[in-house]
N, C-alpha and C. Protein backbone atom coordinates (compact mmCIF):
# COMPACT_ATOMS: atom_id res chain seq x y z
N MET A 1 -23.80 -64.43 -42.13
CA MET A 1 -23.51 -64.50 -40.70
C MET A 1 -22.83 -63.20 -40.27
N ASP A 2 -23.19 -62.69 -39.13
CA ASP A 2 -22.58 -61.51 -38.55
C ASP A 2 -21.07 -61.75 -38.41
N ILE A 3 -20.25 -60.75 -38.77
CA ILE A 3 -18.79 -60.95 -38.76
C ILE A 3 -18.24 -61.25 -37.37
N PHE A 4 -18.85 -60.69 -36.34
CA PHE A 4 -18.38 -60.98 -34.99
C PHE A 4 -18.79 -62.38 -34.54
N LYS A 5 -19.96 -62.82 -34.95
CA LYS A 5 -20.38 -64.19 -34.65
C LYS A 5 -19.48 -65.18 -35.37
N LYS A 6 -19.15 -64.87 -36.63
CA LYS A 6 -18.25 -65.73 -37.39
C LYS A 6 -16.89 -65.82 -36.70
N TYR A 7 -16.37 -64.68 -36.27
CA TYR A 7 -15.08 -64.64 -35.59
C TYR A 7 -15.11 -65.47 -34.31
N THR A 8 -16.11 -65.26 -33.47
CA THR A 8 -16.17 -66.01 -32.21
C THR A 8 -16.40 -67.50 -32.46
N SER A 9 -17.13 -67.82 -33.49
CA SER A 9 -17.36 -69.22 -33.85
C SER A 9 -16.05 -69.89 -34.28
N GLU A 10 -15.24 -69.19 -35.08
CA GLU A 10 -13.95 -69.72 -35.51
C GLU A 10 -13.00 -69.90 -34.33
N ILE A 11 -12.97 -68.92 -33.44
CA ILE A 11 -12.12 -68.99 -32.24
C ILE A 11 -12.56 -70.17 -31.36
N GLN A 12 -13.85 -70.30 -31.16
CA GLN A 12 -14.39 -71.38 -30.33
C GLN A 12 -14.02 -72.74 -30.90
N ALA A 13 -14.11 -72.89 -32.22
CA ALA A 13 -13.78 -74.17 -32.86
C ALA A 13 -12.31 -74.53 -32.63
N ILE A 14 -11.43 -73.56 -32.74
CA ILE A 14 -10.01 -73.81 -32.49
C ILE A 14 -9.79 -74.17 -31.03
N PHE A 15 -10.40 -73.40 -30.14
CA PHE A 15 -10.26 -73.61 -28.71
C PHE A 15 -10.74 -75.00 -28.30
N GLU A 16 -11.87 -75.42 -28.85
CA GLU A 16 -12.43 -76.72 -28.51
C GLU A 16 -11.58 -77.87 -29.02
N GLY A 17 -10.77 -77.62 -30.05
CA GLY A 17 -9.89 -78.66 -30.57
C GLY A 17 -8.74 -78.98 -29.63
N LYS A 18 -8.46 -78.10 -28.70
CA LYS A 18 -7.43 -78.28 -27.66
C LYS A 18 -6.05 -78.54 -28.23
N ASN A 19 -5.80 -78.10 -29.44
CA ASN A 19 -4.48 -78.26 -30.04
C ASN A 19 -4.12 -76.94 -30.70
N TYR A 20 -3.77 -75.95 -29.90
CA TYR A 20 -3.54 -74.61 -30.41
C TYR A 20 -2.41 -73.92 -29.65
N ASN A 21 -1.91 -72.86 -30.24
CA ASN A 21 -0.97 -71.96 -29.57
C ASN A 21 -1.35 -70.54 -29.97
N GLU A 22 -0.53 -69.58 -29.60
CA GLU A 22 -0.82 -68.17 -29.88
C GLU A 22 -1.11 -67.93 -31.36
N HIS A 23 -0.35 -68.56 -32.23
CA HIS A 23 -0.47 -68.33 -33.67
C HIS A 23 -1.74 -68.92 -34.27
N SER A 24 -2.32 -69.89 -33.62
CA SER A 24 -3.50 -70.56 -34.15
C SER A 24 -4.69 -69.63 -34.36
N PHE A 25 -4.74 -68.56 -33.60
CA PHE A 25 -5.89 -67.65 -33.65
C PHE A 25 -5.69 -66.46 -34.58
N ARG A 26 -4.51 -66.32 -35.12
CA ARG A 26 -4.20 -65.13 -35.91
C ARG A 26 -4.98 -65.04 -37.22
N THR A 27 -5.18 -66.15 -37.88
CA THR A 27 -5.94 -66.11 -39.14
C THR A 27 -7.36 -65.61 -38.90
N CYS A 28 -7.97 -66.07 -37.84
CA CYS A 28 -9.33 -65.60 -37.50
C CYS A 28 -9.32 -64.10 -37.27
N PHE A 29 -8.31 -63.62 -36.55
CA PHE A 29 -8.22 -62.20 -36.26
C PHE A 29 -7.95 -61.39 -37.53
N GLU A 30 -7.07 -61.89 -38.39
CA GLU A 30 -6.78 -61.21 -39.65
C GLU A 30 -8.04 -61.13 -40.51
N ASN A 31 -8.80 -62.21 -40.57
CA ASN A 31 -10.05 -62.21 -41.34
C ASN A 31 -11.03 -61.17 -40.80
N LEU A 32 -11.12 -61.07 -39.47
CA LEU A 32 -12.00 -60.08 -38.85
C LEU A 32 -11.55 -58.67 -39.21
N LEU A 33 -10.26 -58.41 -39.07
CA LEU A 33 -9.74 -57.08 -39.41
C LEU A 33 -10.02 -56.73 -40.87
N ASN A 34 -9.83 -57.70 -41.76
CA ASN A 34 -10.08 -57.44 -43.19
C ASN A 34 -11.55 -57.16 -43.48
N GLU A 35 -12.44 -57.75 -42.71
CA GLU A 35 -13.87 -57.48 -42.88
C GLU A 35 -14.24 -56.08 -42.40
N LEU A 36 -13.53 -55.59 -41.39
CA LEU A 36 -13.86 -54.31 -40.77
C LEU A 36 -13.17 -53.10 -41.41
N LYS A 37 -12.07 -53.32 -42.06
CA LYS A 37 -11.25 -52.21 -42.55
C LYS A 37 -11.84 -51.54 -43.80
N PRO A 38 -11.50 -50.27 -44.00
CA PRO A 38 -11.85 -49.61 -45.26
C PRO A 38 -11.01 -50.20 -46.40
N LYS A 39 -11.48 -50.10 -47.63
CA LYS A 39 -10.78 -50.74 -48.75
C LYS A 39 -9.40 -50.16 -49.02
N GLU A 40 -9.13 -48.91 -48.62
CA GLU A 40 -7.82 -48.33 -48.87
C GLU A 40 -6.78 -48.74 -47.83
N VAL A 41 -7.18 -49.55 -46.88
CA VAL A 41 -6.27 -50.04 -45.84
C VAL A 41 -5.88 -51.48 -46.15
N LYS A 42 -4.59 -51.77 -45.96
CA LYS A 42 -4.07 -53.12 -46.19
C LYS A 42 -3.44 -53.61 -44.90
N ILE A 43 -3.73 -54.84 -44.53
CA ILE A 43 -3.20 -55.44 -43.31
C ILE A 43 -2.25 -56.56 -43.70
N ILE A 44 -1.04 -56.52 -43.16
CA ILE A 44 -0.03 -57.53 -43.46
C ILE A 44 0.25 -58.32 -42.18
N HIS A 45 0.12 -59.63 -42.27
CA HIS A 45 0.44 -60.52 -41.15
C HIS A 45 1.92 -60.89 -41.24
N GLU A 46 2.63 -60.82 -40.13
CA GLU A 46 4.05 -61.12 -40.06
C GLU A 46 4.86 -60.35 -41.11
N PRO A 47 4.84 -59.02 -41.05
CA PRO A 47 5.60 -58.23 -42.01
C PRO A 47 7.10 -58.42 -41.81
N LYS A 48 7.86 -58.15 -42.86
CA LYS A 48 9.32 -58.29 -42.74
C LYS A 48 9.85 -57.22 -41.78
N SER A 49 11.01 -57.52 -41.22
CA SER A 49 11.65 -56.56 -40.31
C SER A 49 12.11 -55.34 -41.08
N GLU A 50 12.05 -54.21 -40.43
CA GLU A 50 12.53 -52.98 -41.05
C GLU A 50 13.86 -52.60 -40.44
N LYS A 51 14.63 -51.84 -41.16
CA LYS A 51 15.95 -51.40 -40.70
C LYS A 51 15.81 -50.68 -39.36
N GLY A 52 16.65 -51.04 -38.41
CA GLY A 52 16.65 -50.42 -37.10
C GLY A 52 15.62 -50.99 -36.14
N GLN A 53 14.86 -51.96 -36.60
CA GLN A 53 13.79 -52.53 -35.77
C GLN A 53 14.32 -53.62 -34.84
N GLY A 54 15.47 -54.18 -35.16
CA GLY A 54 16.02 -55.27 -34.35
C GLY A 54 15.17 -56.52 -34.47
N SER A 55 15.04 -57.23 -33.36
CA SER A 55 14.28 -58.49 -33.38
C SER A 55 12.80 -58.28 -33.05
N ILE A 56 12.42 -57.04 -32.80
CA ILE A 56 11.02 -56.76 -32.47
C ILE A 56 10.21 -56.59 -33.75
N ARG A 57 9.17 -57.41 -33.88
CA ARG A 57 8.30 -57.34 -35.05
C ARG A 57 6.86 -57.48 -34.62
N PRO A 58 5.98 -56.64 -35.11
CA PRO A 58 4.56 -56.78 -34.76
C PRO A 58 3.94 -57.98 -35.48
N ASP A 59 2.87 -58.51 -34.94
CA ASP A 59 2.15 -59.60 -35.60
C ASP A 59 1.47 -59.10 -36.87
N PHE A 60 1.01 -57.85 -36.85
CA PHE A 60 0.33 -57.25 -37.99
C PHE A 60 0.83 -55.82 -38.18
N LYS A 61 0.84 -55.39 -39.43
CA LYS A 61 1.08 -53.98 -39.74
C LYS A 61 -0.07 -53.51 -40.61
N THR A 62 -0.44 -52.26 -40.42
CA THR A 62 -1.54 -51.68 -41.17
C THR A 62 -1.01 -50.56 -42.04
N TYR A 63 -1.36 -50.61 -43.32
CA TYR A 63 -0.92 -49.60 -44.28
C TYR A 63 -2.15 -48.94 -44.89
N LYS A 64 -2.02 -47.69 -45.23
CA LYS A 64 -3.12 -46.98 -45.88
C LYS A 64 -2.62 -46.44 -47.21
N LEU A 65 -3.40 -46.65 -48.25
CA LEU A 65 -3.05 -46.15 -49.58
C LEU A 65 -3.25 -44.64 -49.60
N ILE A 66 -2.15 -43.92 -49.77
CA ILE A 66 -2.19 -42.46 -49.79
C ILE A 66 -2.31 -41.96 -51.23
N ASP A 67 -1.50 -42.55 -52.09
CA ASP A 67 -1.46 -42.14 -53.50
C ASP A 67 -1.46 -43.40 -54.35
N LYS A 68 -2.43 -43.57 -55.20
CA LYS A 68 -2.55 -44.78 -56.01
C LYS A 68 -1.36 -45.00 -56.94
N GLU A 69 -0.60 -43.97 -57.21
CA GLU A 69 0.56 -44.07 -58.09
C GLU A 69 1.80 -44.55 -57.33
N LYS A 70 1.74 -44.55 -56.01
CA LYS A 70 2.90 -44.92 -55.20
C LYS A 70 2.59 -46.13 -54.34
N GLU A 71 3.63 -46.62 -53.66
CA GLU A 71 3.46 -47.77 -52.77
C GLU A 71 2.57 -47.41 -51.58
N LEU A 72 2.08 -48.45 -50.92
CA LEU A 72 1.31 -48.22 -49.70
C LEU A 72 2.23 -47.62 -48.65
N SER A 73 1.72 -46.73 -47.86
CA SER A 73 2.51 -46.12 -46.80
C SER A 73 1.68 -45.99 -45.54
N TYR A 74 2.33 -45.73 -44.43
CA TYR A 74 1.65 -45.60 -43.14
C TYR A 74 0.72 -44.42 -43.16
């Protein structure tokens, strides 16, 4: 199945269930992003807060592997 058709189908199924909130659609979106991304990119849903970030946190963070010997970095 085409990845965009799969994504819209998953979203439609959740929507038709009429029991959803903002977070209900995130797994579908994360799956779509993972299908589209290059293999050296890692997507984290609900990443931990970073120092100096306060209470603001993104729903997703994207990391790219720069050096295989080191941790993932921006």
